[in-house]
Amino acid sequence: MLKKLLPCILLTAMSFTHAANQTSSIRTPEGQFISLGDSFTDMQNRLKLSPNSMITREFKDGENVDLAMDYKYEIENMMYTITIVNDHVKKIEWFNTDQEIKDELMQ
C-alpha cells in the first residue's frame, strides 16, 4: 500500500514546488499588453514570438468542459503559460525561471 502511495505524495510535493502564479495580463517585449479575454489572433500579433511549446487538453470550468490550448513562452527569465479556450485568452500563469536556479543553489 505504501509503495503505491509514495509516488502520489512525491508528485504532489513536486507540483507545489513548481507552482505557477496567475495574472490578468502580461507585457510583451515590445511593451504591448495581453490580457484575459483577448482573442488568440490579438495574442499572436502582440507577442510576435513562437511558443516554446503548445499542448492541447481539456479545460473544465464548472460544468463545462472545453478544448484548451496551452502556449508556453519565455520572456525575460519568466515562463508564461497562456491558456486559450474558445479562441480567447482564458488564463495566464507565470513562473520565474531565475527563482528555480536560486532554489537549487541554496540546497
Protein backbone atom coordinates (compact mmCIF):
# COMPACT_ATOMS: atom_id res chain seq x y z
CA MET A 1 0.00 0.00 0.00
CA LEU A 2 2.79 2.42 0.94
CA LYS A 3 4.62 1.69 -2.33
CA LYS A 4 1.56 2.82 -4.27
CA LEU A 5 1.03 5.91 -2.14
CA LEU A 6 4.62 7.16 -2.21
CA PRO A 7 4.67 8.18 -5.92
CA CYS A 8 1.45 10.16 -5.43
CA ILE A 9 2.94 12.00 -2.47
CA LEU A 10 6.12 12.80 -4.39
CA LEU A 11 4.22 14.09 -7.43
CA THR A 12 2.06 16.28 -5.22
CA ALA A 13 5.11 17.70 -3.46
CA MET A 14 6.83 18.42 -6.79
CA SER A 15 3.77 20.23 -8.11
CA PHE A 16 3.80 22.55 -5.08
CA THR A 17 7.47 23.42 -5.55
CA HIS A 18 6.87 24.41 -9.16
CA ALA A 19 3.55 26.15 -8.65
CA ALA A 20 2.79 28.97 -11.01
CA ASN A 21 1.16 32.28 -10.21
CA GLN A 22 -1.80 33.65 -12.12
CA THR A 23 -2.19 37.13 -13.51
CA SER A 24 -4.73 39.00 -15.61
CA SER A 25 -2.23 40.46 -18.09
CA ILE A 26 1.39 40.43 -19.22
CA ARG A 27 3.59 42.90 -21.07
CA THR A 28 5.24 41.74 -24.29
CA PRO A 29 8.90 42.54 -25.07
CA GLU A 30 7.63 45.35 -27.32
CA GLY A 31 5.58 46.90 -24.50
CA GLN A 32 2.12 45.76 -25.55
CA PHE A 33 -0.29 44.03 -23.16
CA ILE A 34 -2.00 40.67 -23.44
CA SER A 35 -4.99 40.37 -21.12
CA LEU A 36 -7.66 37.88 -20.19
CA GLY A 37 -10.39 37.92 -22.82
CA ASP A 38 -8.10 38.96 -25.70
CA SER A 39 -8.51 36.94 -28.89
CA PHE A 40 -5.95 34.36 -29.96
CA THR A 41 -5.13 36.49 -33.02
CA ASP A 42 -4.52 39.56 -30.82
CA MET A 43 -2.19 37.48 -28.63
CA GLN A 44 -0.18 36.30 -31.64
CA ASN A 45 0.01 39.76 -33.19
CA ARG A 46 1.19 41.38 -29.95
CA LEU A 47 3.69 38.70 -28.91
CA LYS A 48 5.34 38.17 -32.30
CA LEU A 49 7.14 35.16 -30.78
CA SER A 50 7.00 31.45 -31.46
CA PRO A 51 5.91 29.50 -28.39
CA ASN A 52 8.39 27.21 -26.64
CA SER A 53 5.67 24.57 -26.62
CA MET A 54 1.96 24.03 -27.13
CA ILE A 55 -0.29 21.33 -25.74
CA THR A 56 -3.98 20.66 -26.20
CA ARG A 57 -6.04 19.49 -23.23
CA GLU A 58 -9.48 19.58 -21.68
CA PHE A 59 -10.36 22.67 -19.66
CA LYS A 60 -13.07 22.27 -17.05
CA ASP A 61 -14.88 25.39 -15.87
CA GLY A 62 -17.72 24.38 -13.57
CA GLU A 63 -20.00 22.06 -15.53
CA ASN A 64 -18.46 22.99 -18.90
CA VAL A 65 -15.59 21.08 -20.48
CA ASP A 66 -13.89 22.79 -23.41
CA LEU A 67 -10.83 22.19 -25.53
CA ALA A 68 -7.92 24.35 -24.36
CA MET A 69 -4.52 25.07 -25.82
CA ASP A 70 -1.64 25.98 -23.50
CA TYR A 71 1.09 28.05 -25.14
CA LYS A 72 4.37 28.46 -23.24
CA TYR A 73 6.58 31.49 -23.84
CA GLU A 74 9.81 32.50 -22.12
CA ILE A 75 10.16 36.26 -21.80
CA GLU A 76 12.95 37.87 -19.74
CA ASN A 77 13.51 34.94 -17.33
CA MET A 78 9.79 34.37 -16.91
CA MET A 79 7.90 31.38 -18.28
CA TYR A 80 4.34 32.26 -19.22
CA THR A 81 1.61 29.73 -19.95
CA ILE A 82 -1.26 31.32 -21.84
CA THR A 83 -4.39 29.17 -21.98
CA ILE A 84 -6.67 29.70 -24.97
CA VAL A 85 -10.29 28.50 -24.75
CA ASN A 86 -12.84 29.23 -27.48
CA ASP A 87 -10.31 31.45 -29.30
CA HIS A 88 -9.78 33.75 -26.28
CA VAL A 89 -7.20 34.08 -23.51
CA LYS A 90 -8.75 32.30 -20.54
CA LYS A 91 -5.82 32.08 -18.11
CA ILE A 92 -2.27 33.43 -17.81
CA GLU A 93 0.20 31.77 -15.47
CA TRP A 94 3.78 32.84 -14.82
CA PHE A 95 6.82 31.20 -13.32
CA ASN A 96 10.11 32.94 -12.51
CA THR A 97 12.84 30.73 -14.03
CA ASP A 98 15.51 32.58 -12.00
CA GLN A 99 13.83 31.50 -8.76
CA GLU A 100 14.30 27.83 -9.67
CA ILE A 101 18.04 28.43 -10.14
CA LYS A 102 18.25 30.29 -6.81
CA ASP A 103 16.41 27.46 -5.05
CA GLU A 104 18.83 24.88 -6.49
CA LEU A 105 21.87 26.93 -5.40
CA MET A 106 20.51 27.24 -1.85
CA GLN A 107 20.21 23.46 -1.44
